[in-house]
N, C-alpha and C. Protein backbone atom coordinates (compact mmCIF):
# COMPACT_ATOMS: atom_id res chain seq x y z
N MET A 1 -9.79 -17.90 25.19
CA MET A 1 -9.32 -16.55 25.41
C MET A 1 -10.25 -15.86 26.40
N ASP A 2 -9.66 -15.20 27.37
CA ASP A 2 -10.48 -14.49 28.33
C ASP A 2 -10.56 -13.00 27.95
N VAL A 3 -11.13 -12.22 28.83
CA VAL A 3 -11.40 -10.81 28.54
C VAL A 3 -10.11 -10.03 28.32
N LYS A 4 -9.07 -10.34 29.10
CA LYS A 4 -7.80 -9.63 28.95
C LYS A 4 -7.19 -9.84 27.56
N ASP A 5 -7.31 -11.05 27.06
CA ASP A 5 -6.77 -11.32 25.72
C ASP A 5 -7.54 -10.56 24.64
N TRP A 6 -8.87 -10.48 24.77
CA TRP A 6 -9.67 -9.74 23.80
C TRP A 6 -9.36 -8.25 23.85
N ILE A 7 -9.15 -7.72 25.07
CA ILE A 7 -8.78 -6.30 25.19
C ILE A 7 -7.44 -6.05 24.52
N LEU A 8 -6.50 -6.98 24.69
CA LEU A 8 -5.19 -6.86 24.05
C LEU A 8 -5.32 -6.86 22.53
N VAL A 9 -6.15 -7.74 22.00
CA VAL A 9 -6.34 -7.81 20.54
C VAL A 9 -6.98 -6.52 20.03
N ILE A 10 -7.96 -5.99 20.77
CA ILE A 10 -8.60 -4.74 20.35
C ILE A 10 -7.61 -3.59 20.36
N ILE A 11 -6.76 -3.52 21.38
CA ILE A 11 -5.74 -2.46 21.45
C ILE A 11 -4.75 -2.60 20.30
N ILE A 12 -4.33 -3.83 20.00
CA ILE A 12 -3.38 -4.04 18.90
C ILE A 12 -3.99 -3.63 17.56
N PHE A 13 -5.25 -4.02 17.31
CA PHE A 13 -5.91 -3.61 16.07
C PHE A 13 -6.07 -2.09 15.99
N ALA A 14 -6.42 -1.46 17.11
CA ALA A 14 -6.57 -0.01 17.12
C ALA A 14 -5.25 0.69 16.80
N CYS A 15 -4.17 0.21 17.40
CA CYS A 15 -2.86 0.81 17.11
C CYS A 15 -2.47 0.62 15.65
N GLY A 16 -2.75 -0.56 15.10
CA GLY A 16 -2.44 -0.80 13.69
C GLY A 16 -3.24 0.08 12.76
N ILE A 17 -4.52 0.24 13.04
CA ILE A 17 -5.37 1.08 12.20
C ILE A 17 -4.96 2.54 12.31
N ILE A 18 -4.65 2.99 13.53
CA ILE A 18 -4.20 4.38 13.71
C ILE A 18 -2.89 4.63 12.97
N THR A 19 -1.97 3.66 13.03
CA THR A 19 -0.69 3.82 12.35
C THR A 19 -0.86 3.87 10.84
N LEU A 20 -1.72 3.03 10.28
CA LEU A 20 -1.97 3.08 8.84
C LEU A 20 -2.67 4.37 8.43
N THR A 21 -3.58 4.87 9.27
CA THR A 21 -4.24 6.14 8.99
C THR A 21 -3.23 7.28 8.99
N GLU A 22 -2.30 7.26 9.95
CA GLU A 22 -1.25 8.28 9.97
C GLU A 22 -0.39 8.20 8.71
N ALA A 23 -0.12 6.99 8.23
CA ALA A 23 0.67 6.84 7.02
C ALA A 23 -0.04 7.46 5.82
N VAL A 24 -1.37 7.31 5.76
CA VAL A 24 -2.13 7.94 4.67
C VAL A 24 -2.07 9.45 4.79
N PHE A 25 -2.19 9.97 6.01
CA PHE A 25 -2.07 11.42 6.20
C PHE A 25 -0.68 11.91 5.85
N PHE A 26 0.36 11.13 6.20
CA PHE A 26 1.73 11.50 5.84
C PHE A 26 1.89 11.57 4.33
N LEU A 27 1.23 10.67 3.62
CA LEU A 27 1.32 10.65 2.17
C LEU A 27 0.74 11.93 1.57
N ARG A 28 -0.29 12.46 2.20
CA ARG A 28 -0.94 13.66 1.66
C ARG A 28 -0.26 14.96 2.08
N ARG A 29 0.26 15.03 3.31
CA ARG A 29 0.75 16.31 3.81
C ARG A 29 2.23 16.35 4.12
N GLY A 30 2.90 15.21 4.21
CA GLY A 30 4.31 15.18 4.57
C GLY A 30 4.50 14.58 5.95
N VAL A 31 5.73 14.24 6.27
CA VAL A 31 6.04 13.61 7.54
C VAL A 31 6.33 14.70 8.56
N TYR A 32 5.77 14.55 9.73
CA TYR A 32 5.91 15.53 10.80
C TYR A 32 7.02 15.08 11.74
N THR A 33 8.10 15.83 11.82
CA THR A 33 9.22 15.46 12.70
C THR A 33 9.08 16.20 14.02
N LEU A 34 9.66 15.62 15.07
CA LEU A 34 9.52 16.21 16.39
C LEU A 34 10.54 17.31 16.65
N ARG A 35 11.76 17.12 16.23
CA ARG A 35 12.81 18.11 16.49
C ARG A 35 13.48 18.50 15.18
N PHE A 36 13.98 19.71 15.16
CA PHE A 36 14.68 20.17 13.96
C PHE A 36 15.87 21.00 14.40
N LYS A 37 17.07 20.56 14.07
CA LYS A 37 18.32 21.27 14.35
C LYS A 37 18.49 21.63 15.83
N GLY A 38 18.11 20.71 16.71
CA GLY A 38 18.33 20.91 18.13
C GLY A 38 17.40 21.86 18.82
N THR A 39 16.41 22.39 18.13
CA THR A 39 15.46 23.31 18.75
C THR A 39 14.14 22.58 18.97
N SER A 40 13.21 23.26 19.59
CA SER A 40 11.90 22.64 19.80
C SER A 40 10.95 22.93 18.64
N ARG A 41 11.47 23.55 17.58
CA ARG A 41 10.65 23.79 16.40
C ARG A 41 10.34 22.48 15.70
N ARG A 42 9.20 22.41 15.06
CA ARG A 42 8.81 21.19 14.34
C ARG A 42 8.71 21.52 12.86
N GLU A 43 8.88 20.49 12.05
CA GLU A 43 8.84 20.72 10.60
C GLU A 43 8.16 19.56 9.90
N TYR A 44 7.74 19.83 8.70
CA TYR A 44 7.23 18.79 7.81
C TYR A 44 8.31 18.45 6.81
N VAL A 45 8.52 17.16 6.60
CA VAL A 45 9.43 16.71 5.55
C VAL A 45 8.56 16.36 4.35
N HIS A 46 8.69 17.13 3.29
CA HIS A 46 7.86 16.90 2.10
C HIS A 46 8.57 15.95 1.14
N ARG A 47 7.78 15.39 0.26
CA ARG A 47 8.28 14.42 -0.72
C ARG A 47 9.36 15.02 -1.60
N SER A 48 9.23 16.27 -1.96
CA SER A 48 10.17 16.88 -2.89
C SER A 48 11.43 17.40 -2.19
N ASP A 49 11.35 17.69 -0.88
CA ASP A 49 12.50 18.26 -0.17
C ASP A 49 13.57 17.21 0.12
N ARG A 50 13.21 16.23 0.90
CA ARG A 50 14.15 15.18 1.29
C ARG A 50 13.49 13.85 0.96
N CYS A 51 13.62 13.43 -0.25
CA CYS A 51 12.89 12.30 -0.79
C CYS A 51 13.19 11.00 -0.03
N GLU A 52 14.47 10.72 0.23
CA GLU A 52 14.83 9.45 0.87
C GLU A 52 14.33 9.38 2.31
N VAL A 53 14.37 10.48 3.04
CA VAL A 53 13.87 10.49 4.42
C VAL A 53 12.36 10.33 4.43
N TYR A 54 11.68 10.99 3.52
CA TYR A 54 10.23 10.91 3.43
C TYR A 54 9.78 9.47 3.18
N TRP A 55 10.37 8.81 2.18
CA TRP A 55 9.93 7.46 1.84
C TRP A 55 10.35 6.45 2.90
N LEU A 56 11.45 6.70 3.62
CA LEU A 56 11.83 5.82 4.72
C LEU A 56 10.78 5.90 5.83
N TYR A 57 10.36 7.11 6.20
CA TYR A 57 9.31 7.28 7.19
C TYR A 57 8.04 6.57 6.73
N MET A 58 7.67 6.77 5.47
CA MET A 58 6.45 6.16 4.95
C MET A 58 6.52 4.63 4.99
N LEU A 59 7.63 4.07 4.56
CA LEU A 59 7.79 2.63 4.53
C LEU A 59 7.74 2.04 5.93
N LEU A 60 8.47 2.63 6.86
CA LEU A 60 8.49 2.11 8.22
C LEU A 60 7.14 2.26 8.92
N HIS A 61 6.46 3.35 8.71
CA HIS A 61 5.17 3.57 9.34
C HIS A 61 4.12 2.59 8.79
N THR A 62 4.13 2.39 7.49
CA THR A 62 3.19 1.45 6.88
C THR A 62 3.48 0.02 7.32
N CYS A 63 4.74 -0.36 7.36
CA CYS A 63 5.10 -1.71 7.80
C CYS A 63 4.73 -1.93 9.26
N ALA A 64 4.89 -0.92 10.10
CA ALA A 64 4.52 -1.05 11.51
C ALA A 64 3.01 -1.25 11.66
N GLY A 65 2.21 -0.51 10.89
CA GLY A 65 0.77 -0.67 10.94
C GLY A 65 0.31 -2.05 10.48
N LEU A 66 0.88 -2.52 9.39
CA LEU A 66 0.53 -3.85 8.89
C LEU A 66 0.99 -4.95 9.84
N ALA A 67 2.14 -4.76 10.46
CA ALA A 67 2.64 -5.75 11.41
C ALA A 67 1.74 -5.82 12.65
N MET A 68 1.23 -4.69 13.10
CA MET A 68 0.32 -4.69 14.25
C MET A 68 -0.97 -5.42 13.92
N ILE A 69 -1.51 -5.20 12.73
CA ILE A 69 -2.74 -5.89 12.34
C ILE A 69 -2.49 -7.39 12.18
N ALA A 70 -1.35 -7.76 11.60
CA ALA A 70 -1.01 -9.18 11.48
C ALA A 70 -0.82 -9.83 12.85
N LEU A 71 -0.23 -9.10 13.78
CA LEU A 71 -0.07 -9.62 15.15
C LEU A 71 -1.43 -9.84 15.80
N GLY A 72 -2.36 -8.94 15.58
CA GLY A 72 -3.71 -9.11 16.11
C GLY A 72 -4.39 -10.36 15.57
N PHE A 73 -4.27 -10.59 14.26
CA PHE A 73 -4.84 -11.81 13.68
C PHE A 73 -4.14 -13.05 14.20
N TRP A 74 -2.83 -12.96 14.40
CA TRP A 74 -2.08 -14.12 14.90
C TRP A 74 -2.51 -14.48 16.31
N ILE A 75 -2.72 -13.48 17.16
CA ILE A 75 -3.18 -13.74 18.53
C ILE A 75 -4.61 -14.28 18.52
N MET A 76 -5.44 -13.80 17.60
CA MET A 76 -6.82 -14.29 17.53
C MET A 76 -6.89 -15.76 17.14
N GLN A 77 -5.86 -16.29 16.52
CA GLN A 77 -5.87 -17.71 16.15
C GLN A 77 -5.81 -18.62 17.37
N LEU A 78 -5.47 -18.09 18.53
CA LEU A 78 -5.43 -18.90 19.74
C LEU A 78 -6.83 -19.30 20.20
N ASN A 79 -7.85 -18.56 19.77
CA ASN A 79 -9.23 -18.90 20.09
C ASN A 79 -9.68 -20.00 19.12
N PRO A 80 -10.16 -21.14 19.64
CA PRO A 80 -10.53 -22.25 18.74
C PRO A 80 -11.63 -21.91 17.74
N THR A 81 -12.63 -21.11 18.14
CA THR A 81 -13.72 -20.77 17.23
C THR A 81 -13.21 -19.93 16.07
N ILE A 82 -12.41 -18.94 16.38
CA ILE A 82 -11.87 -18.07 15.32
C ILE A 82 -10.88 -18.84 14.47
N ASN A 83 -10.14 -19.76 15.07
CA ASN A 83 -9.21 -20.58 14.29
C ASN A 83 -9.97 -21.44 13.29
N ASP A 84 -11.14 -21.98 13.67
CA ASP A 84 -11.96 -22.74 12.72
C ASP A 84 -12.46 -21.86 11.58
N TRP A 85 -12.88 -20.63 11.90
CA TRP A 85 -13.29 -19.69 10.84
C TRP A 85 -12.14 -19.41 9.90
N TYR A 86 -10.98 -19.19 10.48
CA TYR A 86 -9.79 -18.88 9.70
C TYR A 86 -9.44 -20.04 8.75
N LEU A 87 -9.48 -21.26 9.27
CA LEU A 87 -9.17 -22.42 8.44
C LEU A 87 -10.21 -22.61 7.33
N SER A 88 -11.50 -22.37 7.64
CA SER A 88 -12.52 -22.52 6.59
C SER A 88 -12.38 -21.44 5.51
N ILE A 89 -12.01 -20.22 5.90
CA ILE A 89 -11.79 -19.17 4.90
C ILE A 89 -10.59 -19.51 4.04
N ARG A 90 -9.51 -20.00 4.65
CA ARG A 90 -8.33 -20.39 3.87
C ARG A 90 -8.64 -21.54 2.92
N LYS A 91 -9.45 -22.49 3.38
CA LYS A 91 -9.81 -23.62 2.52
C LYS A 91 -10.67 -23.14 1.36
N PHE A 92 -11.54 -22.16 1.61
CA PHE A 92 -12.39 -21.62 0.56
C PHE A 92 -11.60 -20.85 -0.48
N LEU A 93 -10.56 -20.12 -0.05
CA LEU A 93 -9.81 -19.27 -0.96
C LEU A 93 -8.71 -20.00 -1.72
N THR A 94 -8.29 -21.18 -1.27
CA THR A 94 -7.27 -21.91 -2.01
C THR A 94 -7.89 -22.58 -3.23
N PHE A 95 -7.14 -22.56 -4.30
CA PHE A 95 -7.66 -23.10 -5.57
C PHE A 95 -7.18 -24.48 -5.80
């Protein structure tokens, strides 16, 4: 892996971590929507107001963050050194 690949992996991990952090903030304060009823006003969707929309946002945001982190680990497996570490950790954790 050259420098461009490592920069890509770092960007992917950063996006995944930011997305998961946003999901935690959404859990505490509500989901922030960009548009509301065709105006430029913004609103928070709270858990108690529109339950199904809130949990859909939460589920999709959390899945996107986890998928980005998994993609970063998958790309890192292309490096032989990290692939050896990965295989030794898997061998250690299997019973």
